Amino acid sequence: MADPAAEWRATRGAITHIQHYSIHDGPGIRTTVFFQGCPLGCWWCQNPETRVGRPQLFFDARKCQGCGACVQACPTAAVAVRDGVSRTDRTRCDGSGACVNVCPNEARSLTGRTASAGEVFDEAAADAIFYEGEGGVTLSGGEPLAQPDFATALLELCRAHHIQAVVDTCGYADWPTVERVLGRASLVLYDLKHMDPDRHLAGTGVPNGVVLENARRLHHELRVPMRIRVPIVPGMNDDEKNLEATGRFVAGDLDPSVPVHLIPYHRFGVSKYALLEHDGGGAADPPTADRMERLRTLVASFGLAVTIGG
């Protein structure tokens, strides 16, 4: 009979990086594993390098001297030099990293790698001394549900070693995947981007019906502890009508005991869009502290415990 633990350890997936000593991805001190791949296309995404499920090329044009070594090395003819600076055709780039290896000025780098669940777990478990109390491992991204086998393997390894595992998710997946993955989590951080289906589709590229229904079933059927997280993005979802609808949904469709975290938009991801040679991102200014407090009070008026950040 095959050893389930051995199978879990051998399962491979794609990640961008592992962040140690995190205090913003669930309770306590945590080790956060950032998955690659996401079904959403949020323009405000702080981790745009995680949108596709393979390593992504970062290119810092300030370091490029236009020597052309990358052009010769690229196996898919995705690189060309124009006006003394190299440019990458992202539709042709295969993420092999051949151009990275020959760049004399380190203008090119790869973000992301494939790894086994055992390798990732071992690195995370090395932080276990810091997990006393509420701490543990968080699966984030990207979207963990986009790699269900890999996510399941990591969750099972955490469970086998009595490490609390949190999943940060957008909730956009078929129910069998949600049940399989999130049903193994000790806590789910569940994002609600927008309550209006048309606005959600415009902002993320997908409708929100599946997201809302999965949230209901996760709470009422699986009974997995959850926190609702709402990214507050000015001009996208920070209007009072949307926050009122969010409060009604959590208090009515879920339960008033479910905590809500309002996460203020920030511009930390803007520089990544430039490194990806992409014009998107950073189209909003972060909300002010006064604005966040007004929205917190509004959502809390539905009888909910509401926190800014976290």
Foldseek 3Di string as FASTA:
>chain_A
DDDLLVVLQQAKFKWQDWDFQDPFQWHFGEIETAAADAPWDFLADLCVQRNHRAKAKFFAQVQAQLPCPLCVQQPQNQWDDDPRTIDGNVVRHPQPCSSCVPGPRNRMDIGMDMHGLNVVLVVRVVNVVRQPDPYFYEYHHNACLVPLSNLLSNLVVCVVVVGAYEYEHQQPDDLVSCCRRVLSHQEYAYEDAWDDQVLCCVRIVHGCPRSLVSVLCCCPPSVRQYAYEYEQFPPRQLDLVGLLVVLCSCVPSHNQAHAYEYEWRDQNRVVVCVRSVHPTHDPGHTDDPVSVVVSQVSSCVSVHHYHYGD
